[in-house]
Amino acid sequence: MFIIRAQELEAETTELKKDLGLSEFAVPIIKLKERGKTEGALKCLDEFLVAKAGANMIDLYSDMWDDCGSYFGEQHEDAKVKGKMDWIPLPIEAPKTREELLGSAEFGQRRTLKTRLSL
């Protein structure tokens, strides 16, 4: 869900990017080091996004995070409800006593193999 929403948001902003003009701030790129140019570029970007997408970048990402968080919260609640209805405990065997273990064929085979290896 998150990856899909992030890809959708990136596709939307990439489509808008072709109409964005930041050349006065970043051409040549060294201009971004000048006082106020970076802030001006970010302000221009925010204004552009508000005009085209109806929200600034922070709001777009916040909405995406909120939607994903709500979705995962709903999925978690659904899983808890379903888990309560469908859960059937498996039968648990009582632990075997030492005598039962010593008398089992499996234990005897291990003991024989161990004896052979030590010879």
C-alpha atoms as a PDB file:
ATOM      1  CA  MET A   1       0.000   0.000   0.000  1.00  0.00           C
ATOM      2  CA  PHE A   2       2.703   2.486   0.998  1.00  0.00           C
ATOM      3  CA  ILE A   3       4.848   1.765  -2.051  1.00  0.00           C
ATOM      4  CA  ILE A   4       1.876   2.105  -4.386  1.00  0.00           C
ATOM      5  CA  ARG A   5       0.835   5.412  -2.815  1.00  0.00           C
ATOM      6  CA  ALA A   6       4.422   6.735  -2.921  1.00  0.00           C
ATOM      7  CA  GLN A   7       4.719   5.785  -6.600  1.00  0.00           C
ATOM      8  CA  GLU A   8       1.398   7.489  -7.360  1.00  0.00           C
ATOM      9  CA  LEU A   9       2.538  10.656  -5.586  1.00  0.00           C
ATOM     10  CA  GLU A  10       5.870  10.614  -7.417  1.00  0.00           C
ATOM     11  CA  ALA A  11       4.112  10.131 -10.770  1.00  0.00           C
ATOM     12  CA  GLU A  12       1.798  13.044  -9.994  1.00  0.00           C
ATOM     13  CA  THR A  13       4.641  15.377  -9.009  1.00  0.00           C
ATOM     14  CA  THR A  14       6.811  14.248 -11.942  1.00  0.00           C
ATOM     15  CA  GLU A  15       3.979  15.099 -14.325  1.00  0.00           C
ATOM     16  CA  LEU A  16       3.741  18.569 -12.783  1.00  0.00           C
ATOM     17  CA  LYS A  17       7.506  19.078 -12.803  1.00  0.00           C
ATOM     18  CA  LYS A  18       7.650  19.776 -16.536  1.00  0.00           C
ATOM     19  CA  ASP A  19       5.648  22.988 -15.974  1.00  0.00           C
ATOM     20  CA  LEU A  20       7.781  24.140 -13.037  1.00  0.00           C
ATOM     21  CA  GLY A  21      10.301  26.885 -13.694  1.00  0.00           C
ATOM     22  CA  LEU A  22      13.054  27.259 -11.126  1.00  0.00           C
ATOM     23  CA  SER A  23      15.723  28.532 -13.502  1.00  0.00           C
ATOM     24  CA  GLU A  24      15.881  31.948 -11.816  1.00  0.00           C
ATOM     25  CA  PHE A  25      16.966  30.167  -8.621  1.00  0.00           C
ATOM     26  CA  ALA A  26      19.100  27.302  -9.876  1.00  0.00           C
ATOM     27  CA  VAL A  27      20.671  28.210 -13.242  1.00  0.00           C
ATOM     28  CA  PRO A  28      23.572  27.921 -12.991  1.00  0.00           C
ATOM     29  CA  ILE A  29      23.330  25.455 -10.097  1.00  0.00           C
ATOM     30  CA  ILE A  30      25.912  27.435  -8.103  1.00  0.00           C
ATOM     31  CA  LYS A  31      23.186  30.068  -7.592  1.00  0.00           C
ATOM     32  CA  LEU A  32      21.604  27.824  -4.956  1.00  0.00           C
ATOM     33  CA  LYS A  33      24.548  28.669  -2.689  1.00  0.00           C
ATOM     34  CA  GLU A  34      23.636  32.354  -2.810  1.00  0.00           C
ATOM     35  CA  ARG A  35      21.809  33.735   0.204  1.00  0.00           C
ATOM     36  CA  GLY A  36      18.054  33.260  -0.078  1.00  0.00           C
ATOM     37  CA  LYS A  37      18.071  31.354  -3.375  1.00  0.00           C
ATOM     38  CA  THR A  38      17.380  27.933  -1.848  1.00  0.00           C
ATOM     39  CA  GLU A  39      14.589  29.298   0.313  1.00  0.00           C
ATOM     40  CA  GLY A  40      13.182  31.127  -2.708  1.00  0.00           C
ATOM     41  CA  ALA A  41      13.244  27.955  -4.795  1.00  0.00           C
ATOM     42  CA  LEU A  42      11.455  25.990  -2.059  1.00  0.00           C
ATOM     43  CA  LYS A  43       8.855  28.737  -1.657  1.00  0.00           C
ATOM     44  CA  CYS A  44       8.297  28.807  -5.423  1.00  0.00           C
ATOM     45  CA  LEU A  45       7.962  25.001  -5.438  1.00  0.00           C
ATOM     46  CA  ASP A  46       5.397  25.101  -2.636  1.00  0.00           C
ATOM     47  CA  GLU A  47       3.390  27.850  -4.361  1.00  0.00           C
ATOM     48  CA  PHE A  48       3.471  25.909  -7.625  1.00  0.00           C
ATOM     49  CA  LEU A  49       2.281  22.697  -5.957  1.00  0.00           C
ATOM     50  CA  VAL A  50      -0.506  24.507  -4.104  1.00  0.00           C
ATOM     51  CA  ALA A  51      -1.674  26.016  -7.407  1.00  0.00           C
ATOM     52  CA  LYS A  52      -1.480  22.743  -9.364  1.00  0.00           C
ATOM     53  CA  ALA A  53      -2.137  19.984  -6.791  1.00  0.00           C
ATOM     54  CA  GLY A  54      -4.005  21.908  -4.126  1.00  0.00           C
ATOM     55  CA  ALA A  55      -1.421  21.282  -1.383  1.00  0.00           C
ATOM     56  CA  ASN A  56       2.256  21.802  -0.649  1.00  0.00           C
ATOM     57  CA  MET A  57       4.771  18.946  -0.598  1.00  0.00           C
ATOM     58  CA  ILE A  58       4.593  18.464   3.177  1.00  0.00           C
ATOM     59  CA  ASP A  59       0.810  18.147   3.063  1.00  0.00           C
ATOM     60  CA  LEU A  60       0.920  15.716   0.128  1.00  0.00           C
ATOM     61  CA  TYR A  61       3.319  13.412   1.972  1.00  0.00           C
ATOM     62  CA  SER A  62       1.476  13.823   5.287  1.00  0.00           C
ATOM     63  CA  ASP A  63      -1.777  12.783   3.619  1.00  0.00           C
ATOM     64  CA  MET A  64      -0.042   9.775   2.094  1.00  0.00           C
ATOM     65  CA  TRP A  65       1.357   8.725   5.500  1.00  0.00           C
ATOM     66  CA  ASP A  66      -2.011   9.250   7.197  1.00  0.00           C
ATOM     67  CA  ASP A  67      -3.849   7.217   4.554  1.00  0.00           C
ATOM     68  CA  CYS A  68      -1.343   4.376   4.798  1.00  0.00           C
ATOM     69  CA  GLY A  69      -1.420   4.449   8.596  1.00  0.00           C
ATOM     70  CA  SER A  70      -5.219   4.285   8.591  1.00  0.00           C
ATOM     71  CA  TYR A  71      -5.189   1.454   6.072  1.00  0.00           C
ATOM     72  CA  PHE A  72      -2.679  -0.576   8.077  1.00  0.00           C
ATOM     73  CA  GLY A  73      -4.617   0.129  11.279  1.00  0.00           C
ATOM     74  CA  GLU A  74      -7.794  -1.197   9.658  1.00  0.00           C
ATOM     75  CA  GLN A  75      -5.937  -4.254   8.382  1.00  0.00           C
ATOM     76  CA  HIS A  76      -4.571  -4.895  11.861  1.00  0.00           C
ATOM     77  CA  GLU A  77      -8.020  -4.631  13.449  1.00  0.00           C
ATOM     78  CA  ASP A  78      -9.519  -6.927  10.788  1.00  0.00           C
ATOM     79  CA  ALA A  79      -6.771  -9.476  11.399  1.00  0.00           C
ATOM     80  CA  LYS A  80      -7.354  -9.344  15.159  1.00  0.00           C
ATOM     81  CA  VAL A  81     -11.103  -9.887  14.723  1.00  0.00           C
ATOM     82  CA  LYS A  82     -10.578 -12.684  12.226  1.00  0.00           C
ATOM     83  CA  GLY A  83      -7.921 -14.234  14.438  1.00  0.00           C
ATOM     84  CA  LYS A  84     -10.311 -14.317  17.387  1.00  0.00           C
ATOM     85  CA  MET A  85     -12.961 -16.081  15.325  1.00  0.00           C
ATOM     86  CA  ASP A  86     -10.773 -18.568  13.457  1.00  0.00           C
ATOM     87  CA  TRP A  87      -8.260 -19.494  16.133  1.00  0.00           C
ATOM     88  CA  ILE A  88      -8.510 -23.073  17.307  1.00  0.00           C
ATOM     89  CA  PRO A  89      -5.794 -24.234  19.683  1.00  0.00           C
ATOM     90  CA  LEU A  90      -3.871 -27.286  18.590  1.00  0.00           C
ATOM     91  CA  PRO A  91      -3.884 -30.241  20.938  1.00  0.00           C
ATOM     92  CA  ILE A  92      -0.711 -30.436  22.976  1.00  0.00           C
ATOM     93  CA  GLU A  93       0.734 -33.785  23.891  1.00  0.00           C
ATOM     94  CA  ALA A  94       1.698 -34.303  27.492  1.00  0.00           C
ATOM     95  CA  PRO A  95       5.459 -34.358  27.921  1.00  0.00           C
ATOM     96  CA  LYS A  96       6.935 -37.832  27.975  1.00  0.00           C
ATOM     97  CA  THR A  97       8.444 -39.143  31.157  1.00  0.00           C
ATOM     98  CA  ARG A  98      12.060 -40.202  31.322  1.00  0.00           C
ATOM     99  CA  GLU A  99      10.985 -43.842  31.374  1.00  0.00           C
ATOM    100  CA  GLU A 100       8.899 -43.390  28.242  1.00  0.00           C
ATOM    101  CA  LEU A 101      11.812 -41.724  26.502  1.00  0.00           C
ATOM    102  CA  LEU A 102      14.269 -44.435  27.567  1.00  0.00           C
ATOM    103  CA  GLY A 103      11.915 -47.146  26.356  1.00  0.00           C
ATOM    104  CA  SER A 104      11.246 -45.578  22.967  1.00  0.00           C
ATOM    105  CA  ALA A 105      12.725 -47.121  19.839  1.00  0.00           C
ATOM    106  CA  GLU A 106      14.102 -43.755  18.751  1.00  0.00           C
ATOM    107  CA  PHE A 107      16.109 -43.367  21.950  1.00  0.00           C
ATOM    108  CA  GLY A 108      17.416 -46.915  21.625  1.00  0.00           C
ATOM    109  CA  GLN A 109      18.567 -46.244  18.081  1.00  0.00           C
ATOM    110  CA  ARG A 110      20.386 -43.083  19.175  1.00  0.00           C
ATOM    111  CA  ARG A 111      22.029 -44.927  22.063  1.00  0.00           C
ATOM    112  CA  THR A 112      23.165 -47.749  19.730  1.00  0.00           C
ATOM    113  CA  LEU A 113      24.556 -45.268  17.224  1.00  0.00           C
ATOM    114  CA  LYS A 114      26.364 -43.370  19.977  1.00  0.00           C
ATOM    115  CA  THR A 115      27.861 -46.631  21.256  1.00  0.00           C
ATOM    116  CA  ARG A 116      29.076 -47.555  17.760  1.00  0.00           C
ATOM    117  CA  LEU A 117      30.658 -44.144  17.256  1.00  0.00           C
ATOM    118  CA  SER A 118      32.549 -44.306  20.536  1.00  0.00           C
ATOM    119  CA  LEU A 119      34.107 -47.690  19.682  1.00  0.00           C
END
